[in-house]
Amino acid sequence: MHLYVPPSTTHVRFVFIVIFSVIQETRNFVIL
């Protein structure tokens, strides 16, 4: 990935969705 992508609302939203999904996965794992 040599392409530089400037931060934007869509990029931040994507990162937030990824982090939220990871948190949900870890939470489900802890519950199990």
PDB file of N, CA and C in Angstrom:
ATOM      1  N   MET A   1       0.853  -1.195   0.000  1.00  0.00           N
ATOM      2  CA  MET A   1       0.000   0.000   0.000  1.00  0.00           C
ATOM      3  C   MET A   1       0.889   1.245   0.000  1.00  0.00           C
ATOM      4  N   HIS A   2       1.283   1.654  -1.183  1.00  0.00           N
ATOM      5  CA  HIS A   2       2.071   2.878  -1.302  1.00  0.00           C
ATOM      6  C   HIS A   2       1.177   4.086  -1.526  1.00  0.00           C
ATOM      7  N   LEU A   3      -0.109   3.826  -1.684  1.00  0.00           N
ATOM      8  CA  LEU A   3      -1.032   4.922  -1.942  1.00  0.00           C
ATOM      9  C   LEU A   3      -1.422   5.575  -0.624  1.00  0.00           C
ATOM     10  N   TYR A   4      -1.287   6.882  -0.570  1.00  0.00           N
ATOM     11  CA  TYR A   4      -1.640   7.618   0.645  1.00  0.00           C
ATOM     12  C   TYR A   4      -3.062   8.153   0.518  1.00  0.00           C
ATOM     13  N   VAL A   5      -3.903   7.782   1.480  1.00  0.00           N
ATOM     14  CA  VAL A   5      -5.298   8.240   1.458  1.00  0.00           C
ATOM     15  C   VAL A   5      -5.491   9.251   2.575  1.00  0.00           C
ATOM     16  N   PRO A   6      -5.826  10.477   2.238  1.00  0.00           N
ATOM     17  CA  PRO A   6      -6.045  11.496   3.270  1.00  0.00           C
ATOM     18  C   PRO A   6      -7.254  11.142   4.138  1.00  0.00           C
ATOM     19  N   PRO A   7      -7.208  11.460   5.403  1.00  0.00           N
ATOM     20  CA  PRO A   7      -8.321  11.137   6.298  1.00  0.00           C
ATOM     21  C   PRO A   7      -9.593  11.847   5.871  1.00  0.00           C
ATOM     22  N   SER A   8     -10.676  11.116   5.892  1.00  0.00           N
ATOM     23  CA  SER A   8     -11.965  11.695   5.529  1.00  0.00           C
ATOM     24  C   SER A   8     -13.037  11.107   6.431  1.00  0.00           C
ATOM     25  N   THR A   9     -14.235  11.593   6.304  1.00  0.00           N
ATOM     26  CA  THR A   9     -15.318  11.093   7.158  1.00  0.00           C
ATOM     27  C   THR A   9     -15.599   9.625   6.860  1.00  0.00           C
ATOM     28  N   THR A  10     -15.507   9.229   5.601  1.00  0.00           N
ATOM     29  CA  THR A  10     -15.768   7.834   5.251  1.00  0.00           C
ATOM     30  C   THR A  10     -14.685   6.933   5.841  1.00  0.00           C
ATOM     31  N   HIS A  11     -13.430   7.381   5.806  1.00  0.00           N
ATOM     32  CA  HIS A  11     -12.336   6.583   6.349  1.00  0.00           C
ATOM     33  C   HIS A  11     -12.498   6.435   7.866  1.00  0.00           C
ATOM     34  N   VAL A  12     -12.812   7.523   8.522  1.00  0.00           N
ATOM     35  CA  VAL A  12     -12.998   7.479   9.977  1.00  0.00           C
ATOM     36  C   VAL A  12     -14.176   6.574  10.324  1.00  0.00           C
ATOM     37  N   ARG A  13     -15.209   6.670   9.522  1.00  0.00           N
ATOM     38  CA  ARG A  13     -16.389   5.828   9.760  1.00  0.00           C
ATOM     39  C   ARG A  13     -16.030   4.356   9.581  1.00  0.00           C
ATOM     40  N   PHE A  14     -15.228   4.048   8.576  1.00  0.00           N
ATOM     41  CA  PHE A  14     -14.817   2.662   8.339  1.00  0.00           C
ATOM     42  C   PHE A  14     -13.994   2.140   9.518  1.00  0.00           C
ATOM     43  N   VAL A  15     -13.055   2.954   9.989  1.00  0.00           N
ATOM     44  CA  VAL A  15     -12.222   2.544  11.123  1.00  0.00           C
ATOM     45  C   VAL A  15     -13.094   2.332  12.361  1.00  0.00           C
ATOM     46  N   PHE A  16     -14.057   3.224  12.562  1.00  0.00           N
ATOM     47  CA  PHE A  16     -14.945   3.096  13.724  1.00  0.00           C
ATOM     48  C   PHE A  16     -15.756   1.805  13.643  1.00  0.00           C
ATOM     49  N   ILE A  17     -16.225   1.479  12.448  1.00  0.00           N
ATOM     50  CA  ILE A  17     -17.011   0.252  12.268  1.00  0.00           C
ATOM     51  C   ILE A  17     -16.139  -0.976  12.548  1.00  0.00           C
ATOM     52  N   VAL A  18     -14.906  -0.947  12.081  1.00  0.00           N
ATOM     53  CA  VAL A  18     -14.004  -2.085  12.306  1.00  0.00           C
ATOM     54  C   VAL A  18     -13.732  -2.250  13.801  1.00  0.00           C
ATOM     55  N   ILE A  19     -13.435  -1.157  14.483  1.00  0.00           N
ATOM     56  CA  ILE A  19     -13.154  -1.219  15.924  1.00  0.00           C
ATOM     57  C   ILE A  19     -14.391  -1.708  16.678  1.00  0.00           C
ATOM     58  N   PHE A  20     -15.558  -1.207  16.287  1.00  0.00           N
ATOM     59  CA  PHE A  20     -16.790  -1.616  16.963  1.00  0.00           C
ATOM     60  C   PHE A  20     -17.036  -3.108  16.764  1.00  0.00           C
ATOM     61  N   SER A  21     -16.799  -3.606  15.559  1.00  0.00           N
ATOM     62  CA  SER A  21     -17.006  -5.030  15.286  1.00  0.00           C
ATOM     63  C   SER A  21     -16.028  -5.882  16.105  1.00  0.00           C
ATOM     64  N   VAL A  22     -14.793  -5.419  16.228  1.00  0.00           N
ATOM     65  CA  VAL A  22     -13.803  -6.164  17.017  1.00  0.00           C
ATOM     66  C   VAL A  22     -14.230  -6.188  18.483  1.00  0.00           C
ATOM     67  N   ILE A  23     -14.723  -5.079  18.988  1.00  0.00           N
ATOM     68  CA  ILE A  23     -15.179  -5.016  20.379  1.00  0.00           C
ATOM     69  C   ILE A  23     -16.353  -5.973  20.581  1.00  0.00           C
ATOM     70  N   GLN A  24     -17.257  -6.007  19.629  1.00  0.00           N
ATOM     71  CA  GLN A  24     -18.400  -6.918  19.732  1.00  0.00           C
ATOM     72  C   GLN A  24     -17.924  -8.370  19.732  1.00  0.00           C
ATOM     73  N   GLU A  25     -16.959  -8.684  18.893  1.00  0.00           N
ATOM     74  CA  GLU A  25     -16.435 -10.051  18.831  1.00  0.00           C
ATOM     75  C   GLU A  25     -15.790 -10.434  20.164  1.00  0.00           C
ATOM     76  N   THR A  26     -14.988  -9.557  20.720  1.00  0.00           N
ATOM     77  CA  THR A  26     -14.321  -9.861  21.991  1.00  0.00           C
ATOM     78  C   THR A  26     -15.351  -9.983  23.109  1.00  0.00           C
ATOM     79  N   ARG A  27     -16.389  -9.152  23.054  1.00  0.00           N
ATOM     80  CA  ARG A  27     -17.435  -9.210  24.081  1.00  0.00           C
ATOM     81  C   ARG A  27     -18.165 -10.550  24.004  1.00  0.00           C
ATOM     82  N   ASN A  28     -18.459 -11.001  22.792  1.00  0.00           N
ATOM     83  CA  ASN A  28     -19.130 -12.291  22.630  1.00  0.00           C
ATOM     84  C   ASN A  28     -18.222 -13.425  23.115  1.00  0.00           C
ATOM     85  N   PHE A  29     -16.941 -13.299  22.855  1.00  0.00           N
ATOM     86  CA  PHE A  29     -15.997 -14.329  23.284  1.00  0.00           C
ATOM     87  C   PHE A  29     -15.937 -14.387  24.814  1.00  0.00           C
ATOM     88  N   VAL A  30     -15.947 -13.230  25.448  1.00  0.00           N
ATOM     89  CA  VAL A  30     -15.901 -13.184  26.916  1.00  0.00           C
ATOM     90  C   VAL A  30     -17.186 -13.783  27.492  1.00  0.00           C
ATOM     91  N   ILE A  31     -18.312 -13.503  26.847  1.00  0.00           N
ATOM     92  CA  ILE A  31     -19.591 -14.053  27.311  1.00  0.00           C
ATOM     93  C   ILE A  31     -19.571 -15.578  27.199  1.00  0.00           C
ATOM     94  N   LEU A  32     -19.014 -16.086  26.105  1.00  0.00           N
ATOM     95  CA  LEU A  32     -18.930 -17.536  25.944  1.00  0.00           C
ATOM     96  C   LEU A  32     -17.922 -18.114  26.929  1.00  0.00           C
TER      97      LEU A  32
END
